[in-house]
Protein backbone atom coordinates (compact mmCIF):
# COMPACT_ATOMS: atom_id res chain seq x y z
CA UNK A 1 -10.28 -7.27 -6.94
CA UNK A 2 -13.89 -6.38 -7.44
CA UNK A 3 -15.32 -3.02 -6.45
CA UNK A 4 -18.96 -3.58 -7.43
CA UNK A 5 -21.82 -3.73 -4.98
CA UNK A 6 -22.87 -7.37 -5.34
CA UNK A 7 -21.26 -9.78 -2.85
CA UNK A 8 -19.65 -12.92 -4.20
CA UNK A 9 -18.67 -15.99 -2.15
CA UNK A 10 -15.58 -16.53 -4.30
CA UNK A 11 -13.76 -14.05 -2.03
CA UNK A 12 -12.71 -14.60 1.56
CA UNK A 13 -14.01 -11.22 2.71
CA UNK A 14 -16.33 -8.68 1.10
CA UNK A 15 -16.70 -5.14 2.42
CA UNK A 16 -19.73 -3.40 0.96
CA UNK A 17 -20.22 0.31 1.56
CA UNK A 18 -18.71 0.26 5.06
CA UNK A 19 -18.84 3.66 6.68
CA UNK A 20 -17.70 4.95 10.06
CA UNK A 21 -18.82 8.16 11.78
CA UNK A 22 -17.54 9.56 15.07
CA UNK A 23 -20.23 12.09 15.98
CA UNK A 24 -19.99 14.64 13.16
CA UNK A 25 -16.65 13.37 11.79
CA UNK A 26 -16.71 10.79 8.99
CA UNK A 27 -13.55 8.68 9.37
CA UNK A 28 -14.40 6.22 6.58
CA UNK A 29 -16.70 6.99 3.67
CA UNK A 30 -18.68 4.16 2.08
CA UNK A 31 -15.91 1.90 0.73
CA UNK A 32 -16.10 -1.34 -1.25
CA UNK A 33 -13.36 -3.95 -1.55
CA UNK A 34 -12.76 -7.70 -1.53
CA UNK A 35 -10.00 -9.84 -0.01
CA UNK A 36 -9.30 -13.02 -2.00
CA UNK A 37 -8.23 -16.31 -0.44
CA UNK A 38 -4.47 -16.81 0.16
CA UNK A 39 -3.61 -13.21 -0.67
CA UNK A 40 -1.50 -10.46 0.87
CA UNK A 41 -3.57 -7.26 0.76
CA UNK A 42 -2.27 -3.93 2.04
CA UNK A 43 -4.22 -0.79 2.91
CA UNK A 44 -1.80 2.04 2.17
CA UNK A 45 -2.25 5.67 3.09
CA UNK A 46 -1.05 8.56 5.27
CA UNK A 47 -1.85 8.91 8.96
CA UNK A 48 -5.51 9.67 9.59
CA UNK A 49 -6.79 8.33 6.26
CA UNK A 50 -9.02 5.67 7.90
CA UNK A 51 -6.96 2.55 7.23
CA UNK A 52 -6.67 1.42 10.87
CA UNK A 53 -10.37 2.17 11.41
CA UNK A 54 -11.20 -0.25 8.58
CA UNK A 55 -8.96 -2.89 10.16
CA UNK A 56 -10.67 -2.44 13.51
CA UNK A 57 -14.15 -2.70 11.95
CA UNK A 58 -13.17 -5.98 10.31
CA UNK A 59 -11.68 -7.26 13.57
CA UNK A 60 -14.80 -6.25 15.50
CA UNK A 61 -13.10 -3.64 17.69
CA UNK A 62 -15.13 -0.84 16.09
CA UNK A 63 -18.80 -0.94 15.10
CA UNK A 64 -19.73 0.08 11.56
CA UNK A 65 -22.09 2.99 11.02
CA UNK A 66 -23.40 1.60 7.72
CA UNK A 67 -22.60 -1.10 5.20
CA UNK A 68 -21.77 -4.77 5.58
CA UNK A 69 -18.83 -7.12 6.05
CA UNK A 70 -19.11 -10.75 4.96
CA UNK A 71 -16.58 -13.49 5.69
CA UNK A 72 -16.98 -16.40 3.28
CA UNK A 73 -20.47 -15.14 2.52
CA UNK A 74 -21.54 -14.87 6.18
CA UNK A 75 -22.24 -11.43 7.72
CA UNK A 76 -20.04 -10.75 10.77
CA UNK A 77 -21.12 -7.25 11.81
CA UNK A 78 -22.90 -8.55 14.93
CA UNK A 79 -20.27 -11.17 15.81
CA UNK A 80 -18.06 -10.37 18.83
CA UNK A 81 -14.31 -10.02 18.16
CA UNK A 82 -13.42 -13.20 20.05
CA UNK A 83 -15.97 -15.19 18.03
CA UNK A 84 -14.70 -14.02 14.63
CA UNK A 85 -12.21 -16.36 12.89
CA UNK A 86 -9.93 -13.33 12.55
CA UNK A 87 -6.81 -12.50 14.56
CA UNK A 88 -4.88 -9.23 14.85
CA UNK A 89 -1.18 -8.45 15.23
CA UNK A 90 -0.74 -4.98 16.75
CA UNK A 91 2.17 -2.57 16.37
CA UNK A 92 3.16 -2.97 20.04
CA UNK A 93 2.78 -6.80 19.80
CA UNK A 94 0.66 -6.85 23.04
CA UNK A 95 2.54 -9.84 24.51
CA UNK A 96 1.91 -10.80 28.13
CA UNK A 97 5.17 -9.84 29.93
CA UNK A 98 4.66 -12.38 32.74
CA UNK A 99 4.25 -15.34 30.37
CA UNK A 100 6.97 -17.23 28.57
CA UNK A 101 7.01 -17.32 24.76
CA UNK A 102 5.32 -20.73 24.60
CA UNK A 103 2.59 -19.64 27.04
CA UNK A 104 1.95 -16.42 25.10
CA UNK A 105 1.41 -18.48 21.96
CA UNK A 106 -0.75 -21.03 23.79
CA UNK A 107 -2.97 -18.46 25.49
CA UNK A 108 -5.79 -18.44 22.93
CA UNK A 109 -5.82 -22.23 22.67
CA UNK A 110 -6.09 -22.58 26.43
CA UNK A 111 -9.00 -20.15 26.48
CA UNK A 112 -10.75 -22.48 24.02
CA UNK A 113 -10.10 -25.38 26.46
CA UNK A 114 -8.26 -27.52 23.93
CA UNK A 115 -6.48 -30.70 25.02
CA UNK A 116 -2.97 -30.18 26.38
CA UNK A 117 -1.42 -32.54 23.82
CA UNK A 118 -2.99 -30.64 20.92
CA UNK A 119 -1.99 -27.28 22.42
CA UNK A 120 1.61 -28.45 22.78
CA UNK A 121 1.69 -29.75 19.22
CA UNK A 122 0.21 -26.60 17.68
CA UNK A 123 2.40 -24.27 19.74
CA UNK A 124 5.54 -26.18 18.72
CA UNK A 125 4.52 -26.08 15.05
CA UNK A 126 3.77 -22.34 15.25
CA UNK A 127 7.10 -21.53 16.90
CA UNK A 128 8.92 -23.65 14.33
CA UNK A 129 7.18 -21.70 11.57
CA UNK A 130 8.54 -18.40 12.89
CA UNK A 131 11.92 -19.91 13.87
CA UNK A 132 11.41 -19.26 17.59
CA UNK A 133 11.24 -22.83 18.96
CA UNK A 134 14.67 -22.52 20.62
CA UNK A 135 13.48 -19.48 22.61
CA UNK A 136 10.18 -20.96 23.80
CA UNK A 137 11.12 -20.66 27.49
CA UNK A 138 12.13 -17.00 27.37
CA UNK A 139 10.07 -14.01 28.50
CA UNK A 140 9.21 -11.12 26.13
CA UNK A 141 11.67 -8.82 27.93
CA UNK A 142 14.48 -11.21 26.94
CA UNK A 143 13.69 -10.90 23.22
CA UNK A 144 14.62 -8.39 20.52
CA UNK A 145 11.92 -6.41 18.71
CA UNK A 146 12.06 -8.75 15.73
CA UNK A 147 11.78 -11.81 17.97
CA UNK A 148 8.80 -10.32 19.81
CA UNK A 149 7.12 -9.70 16.49
CA UNK A 150 7.60 -13.35 15.50
CA UNK A 151 5.99 -14.44 18.76
CA UNK A 152 3.03 -12.11 18.17
CA UNK A 153 2.60 -13.59 14.70
CA UNK A 154 2.76 -17.16 16.04
CA UNK A 155 0.16 -16.34 18.72
CA UNK A 156 -2.11 -14.90 16.03
CA UNK A 157 -2.02 -17.74 13.51
CA UNK A 158 -1.81 -20.67 15.97
CA UNK A 159 -5.60 -20.27 16.36
CA UNK A 160 -5.96 -21.02 12.63
CA UNK A 161 -7.86 -17.85 11.71
CA UNK A 162 -9.30 -17.41 8.26
CA UNK A 163 -7.87 -13.88 8.07
CA UNK A 164 -4.89 -12.26 9.79
CA UNK A 165 -4.96 -8.49 10.38
CA UNK A 166 -1.66 -6.63 10.83
CA UNK A 167 -1.68 -3.03 12.07
CA UNK A 168 1.73 -1.55 11.14
CA UNK A 169 3.53 -4.38 13.01
CA UNK A 170 6.98 -3.36 11.71
CA UNK A 171 6.70 0.29 12.74
CA UNK A 172 8.76 -0.11 15.93
CA UNK A 173 11.69 -1.85 14.19
CA UNK A 174 14.80 -0.22 12.76
CA UNK A 175 15.20 -0.06 8.97
CA UNK A 176 17.46 -3.12 8.64
CA UNK A 177 15.24 -5.31 10.81
CA UNK A 178 12.10 -4.00 9.09
CA UNK A 179 13.38 -5.05 5.67
CA UNK A 180 14.39 -8.45 7.02
CA UNK A 181 10.97 -8.97 8.57
CA UNK A 182 9.25 -7.99 5.31
CA UNK A 183 10.84 -11.00 3.66
CA UNK A 184 9.89 -13.19 6.64
CA UNK A 185 6.28 -11.96 6.61
CA UNK A 186 5.75 -12.61 2.91
CA UNK A 187 7.35 -16.04 3.18
CA UNK A 188 5.18 -16.87 6.20
CA UNK A 189 1.98 -15.81 4.43
CA UNK A 190 2.75 -18.11 1.50
CA UNK A 191 3.71 -21.05 3.75
CA UNK A 192 0.55 -20.71 5.84
CA UNK A 193 -1.65 -20.15 2.75
CA UNK A 194 -3.57 -17.51 4.75
CA UNK A 195 -4.89 -14.14 3.71
CA UNK A 196 -3.16 -11.19 5.39
CA UNK A 197 -4.68 -7.70 5.57
CA UNK A 198 -1.85 -5.31 6.34
CA UNK A 199 -1.97 -1.61 7.21
CA UNK A 200 0.94 0.76 6.55
CA UNK A 201 1.81 4.32 5.52
CA UNK A 202 5.08 3.09 3.95
CA UNK A 203 4.80 2.63 0.19
CA UNK A 204 8.09 0.72 -0.03
CA UNK A 205 6.78 -1.76 2.54
CA UNK A 206 3.49 -2.11 0.65
CA UNK A 207 5.31 -2.82 -2.62
CA UNK A 208 7.61 -5.39 -0.99
CA UNK A 209 4.78 -7.37 0.60
CA UNK A 210 1.57 -7.03 -1.35
CA UNK A 211 -0.32 -8.94 -3.99
CA UNK A 212 -2.97 -6.19 -3.92
CA UNK A 213 -2.76 -2.61 -2.62
CA UNK A 214 -5.70 -0.45 -1.53
CA UNK A 215 -4.64 3.21 -1.65
CA UNK A 216 -6.60 5.43 0.75
CA UNK A 217 -6.92 9.18 1.25
CA UNK A 218 -9.17 11.06 3.70
CA UNK A 219 -11.42 8.06 4.39
CA UNK A 220 -11.87 7.14 0.71
CA UNK A 221 -10.34 4.51 -1.53
CA UNK A 222 -8.44 6.15 -4.38
CA UNK A 223 -7.37 2.99 -6.22
CA UNK A 224 -7.18 -0.79 -5.85
CA UNK A 225 -4.69 -2.85 -7.85
CA UNK A 226 -1.46 -4.81 -7.99
CA UNK A 227 1.77 -2.97 -7.09
CA UNK A 228 2.73 -2.87 -10.79
CA UNK A 229 -0.66 -1.47 -11.77
CA UNK A 230 -0.67 1.11 -8.98
CA UNK A 231 2.82 2.31 -9.90
CA UNK A 232 2.59 2.34 -13.69
CA UNK A 233 -1.11 3.11 -14.12
CA UNK A 234 -2.21 5.51 -11.36
CA UNK A 235 -5.84 6.63 -11.57
CA UNK A 236 -5.32 10.21 -10.42
CA UNK A 237 -2.78 12.79 -9.30
CA UNK A 238 -3.07 11.76 -5.64
CA UNK A 239 -2.04 8.16 -6.33
CA UNK A 240 0.63 9.23 -8.84
CA UNK A 241 2.21 11.59 -6.30
CA UNK A 242 1.79 9.40 -3.20
CA UNK A 243 3.23 6.32 -4.92
CA UNK A 244 6.77 7.17 -5.87
CA UNK A 245 6.29 10.89 -6.39
CA UNK A 246 5.56 10.91 -10.12
CA UNK A 247 6.09 14.01 -12.23
CA UNK A 248 2.82 15.81 -12.95
CA UNK A 249 2.19 18.57 -15.48
CA UNK A 250 -1.16 20.32 -15.33
CA UNK A 251 -2.91 20.54 -18.69
CA UNK A 252 -6.11 21.07 -20.62
CA UNK A 253 -7.85 18.15 -22.30
CA UNK A 254 -8.47 19.21 -25.91
CA UNK A 255 -9.55 15.82 -27.32
CA UNK A 256 -10.87 12.70 -25.60
CA UNK A 257 -11.78 9.25 -26.96
CA UNK A 258 -13.74 7.53 -24.17
CA UNK A 259 -13.85 4.13 -25.89
CA UNK A 260 -10.09 3.99 -26.54
CA UNK A 261 -9.30 5.81 -23.26
CA UNK A 262 -6.92 8.18 -25.06
CA UNK A 263 -6.74 11.95 -25.16
CA UNK A 264 -4.81 15.03 -26.18
CA UNK A 265 -3.56 17.19 -23.33
CA UNK A 266 -2.28 20.72 -23.85
CA UNK A 267 0.63 21.23 -21.43
CA UNK A 268 3.60 23.46 -20.76
CA UNK A 269 5.83 21.16 -22.87
CA UNK A 270 3.37 20.96 -25.76
CA UNK A 271 0.20 19.10 -26.70
CA UNK A 272 0.62 15.41 -25.95
CA UNK A 273 -1.43 12.37 -26.96
CA UNK A 274 -1.47 9.62 -24.34
CA UNK A 275 -3.50 6.89 -22.64
CA UNK A 276 -5.99 8.15 -20.04
CA UNK A 277 -6.81 6.69 -16.65
CA UNK A 278 -10.37 5.50 -16.10
CA UNK A 279 -11.28 8.54 -14.02
CA UNK A 280 -10.36 11.14 -16.67
CA UNK A 281 -13.38 13.07 -17.95
CA UNK A 282 -13.83 16.00 -20.35
CA UNK A 283 -14.09 19.43 -18.70
CA UNK A 284 -12.46 18.17 -15.48
CA UNK A 285 -8.87 18.80 -14.30
CA UNK A 286 -6.26 16.53 -15.87
CA UNK A 287 -2.47 16.18 -15.65
CA UNK A 288 0.30 14.51 -17.61
CA UNK A 289 2.06 11.84 -15.53
CA UNK A 290 5.49 10.22 -15.97
CA UNK A 291 8.16 8.84 -13.64
CA UNK A 292 11.62 10.26 -12.89
CA UNK A 293 13.34 7.16 -14.29
CA UNK A 294 11.44 7.54 -17.57
CA UNK A 295 13.13 10.87 -18.34
CA UNK A 296 16.39 10.94 -20.27
CA UNK A 297 18.59 13.42 -22.08
CA UNK A 298 17.13 14.17 -25.51
CA UNK A 299 18.97 12.20 -28.22
CA UNK A 300 16.66 13.13 -31.06
CA UNK A 301 15.18 9.62 -31.31
CA UNK A 302 11.71 9.53 -32.85
CA UNK A 303 8.78 8.64 -30.62
CA UNK A 304 9.93 10.86 -27.75
CA UNK A 305 8.45 14.06 -26.36
CA UNK A 306 11.32 16.49 -25.81
CA UNK A 307 11.41 19.69 -23.80
CA UNK A 308 13.86 22.28 -22.49
CA UNK A 309 14.37 22.85 -18.77
CA UNK A 310 16.68 24.61 -16.31
CA UNK A 311 18.64 22.54 -13.76
CA UNK A 312 18.02 23.75 -10.19
CA UNK A 313 19.34 20.94 -7.93
CA UNK A 314 21.36 17.72 -8.22
CA UNK A 315 21.58 14.84 -5.72
CA UNK A 316 24.24 12.17 -6.32
CA UNK A 317 23.02 8.62 -5.56
CA UNK A 318 25.92 6.47 -6.63
CA UNK A 319 25.01 4.84 -9.94
CA UNK A 320 22.45 7.57 -10.63
CA UNK A 321 21.56 11.11 -9.69
CA UNK A 322 18.31 12.95 -9.12
CA UNK A 323 18.09 16.17 -11.07
CA UNK A 324 15.45 18.80 -10.31
CA UNK A 325 14.57 20.97 -13.29
CA UNK A 326 12.17 23.84 -14.00
CA UNK A 327 10.08 23.87 -17.16
CA UNK A 328 8.42 27.16 -16.31
CA UNK A 329 5.90 27.07 -13.49
CA UNK A 330 6.44 23.33 -12.93
CA UNK A 331 9.25 21.45 -11.23
CA UNK A 332 10.18 17.98 -12.49
CA UNK A 333 12.54 15.29 -11.18
CA UNK A 334 14.69 13.28 -13.58
CA UNK A 335 16.70 10.19 -12.56
CA UNK A 336 19.79 10.18 -14.78
CA UNK A 337 22.92 8.01 -14.95
CA UNK A 338 25.72 9.28 -12.71
CA UNK A 339 27.96 10.14 -15.68
CA UNK A 340 25.41 12.33 -17.52
CA UNK A 341 26.90 15.86 -17.51
CA UNK A 342 24.55 18.34 -15.84
CA UNK A 343 25.26 21.63 -14.07
CA UNK A 344 23.08 23.63 -11.69
CA UNK A 345 21.83 26.78 -13.38
CA UNK A 346 22.42 25.45 -16.88
CA UNK A 347 19.73 24.55 -19.45
CA UNK A 348 19.18 20.91 -20.44
CA UNK A 349 17.08 19.22 -23.09
CA UNK A 350 15.20 16.18 -21.84
CA UNK A 351 12.88 13.63 -23.40
CA UNK A 352 10.25 11.04 -22.42
CA UNK A 353 9.08 8.14 -24.61
CA UNK A 354 5.45 8.70 -25.68
CA UNK A 355 4.55 5.19 -24.52
CA UNK A 356 5.51 6.13 -20.94
CA UNK A 357 3.12 9.10 -20.74
CA UNK A 358 -0.27 8.86 -19.01
CA UNK A 359 -3.07 11.36 -18.53
CA UNK A 360 -4.58 11.19 -15.04
CA UNK A 361 -7.48 12.93 -13.34
CA UNK A 362 -6.82 16.00 -11.18
CA UNK A 363 -4.34 18.82 -10.77
CA UNK A 364 -0.80 18.33 -9.41
CA UNK A 365 -0.90 17.70 -5.67
CA UNK A 366 2.35 19.40 -4.62
CA UNK A 367 5.42 20.92 -6.26
CA UNK A 368 8.28 18.45 -6.71
CA UNK A 369 11.20 18.86 -4.32
CA UNK A 370 14.44 16.91 -3.78
CA UNK A 371 16.10 19.13 -1.18
């Protein structure tokens, strides 16, 4: 996904420097991103980071203070919401309680004064797609939360939009139903060959659904990439901590090769050479990043960075256990096999493969906790 400033018609949607102010409060700083055709894109971030505001600006429910939004190369900033080939699925589904399922789905088509035969055909196809054809005569109050969500989806895509916006549509469902609907959503997106722009604060949900993730924080985009890239190659300490709670050790950059993107970082566990994220710069804060599952008990194998720590907490998780350790002023989390002998209050020697280490921009966001 491009983040440069020059629009390109090869993408379905291009957002260029879009910014939103509410009086003196800046909800969204000038952000740039693209949405490709037939792609599931998720805006991921905590509450209040600006993700829903971006969705509403694209849908036309909020004006933009500055910047531009192009759909297939055509600017849409001055186009009314009902004239944009974009539909939205809201968290509360917004179904009409007095209309049956089939009439809820047909509503937009009737407003466009389509022929009854075409409306009937498209409504039937849409309900078949979400496996709700057998419940077409029911009212929303007679449906479960998951069934209502399917109806809301059918009503959104029956109009054949170019882009479907989804504002935390699984938030009202219980965990089991939410995971089931994640599979259904991804399958539906592929079958319809549509682009979905999804908003969530749930990183697990984002990873399960997305082709591309846009990580946001305080109105700014921190990183754009695939789930694998976001997880294994975070740009900074915010992304590393927000996505999966990576271990972070604050350090001092003593050497830096900008062309090779490698550096030497002086840390509490020694001076380490590792690959650097693109945002790392000399004389700016930097931290060593590695995941809990990448830590093991030191076996003396070459190529590892080993260090001593003190075990402070243990959480049993069946086949594995999370072990919180102190290396001095830092807390780290290690994910070890369930049969690895560890005892609270006892020292342990751990190791991380050098290839798993990464130097990222910034200081650790928060201390690691598992209790």
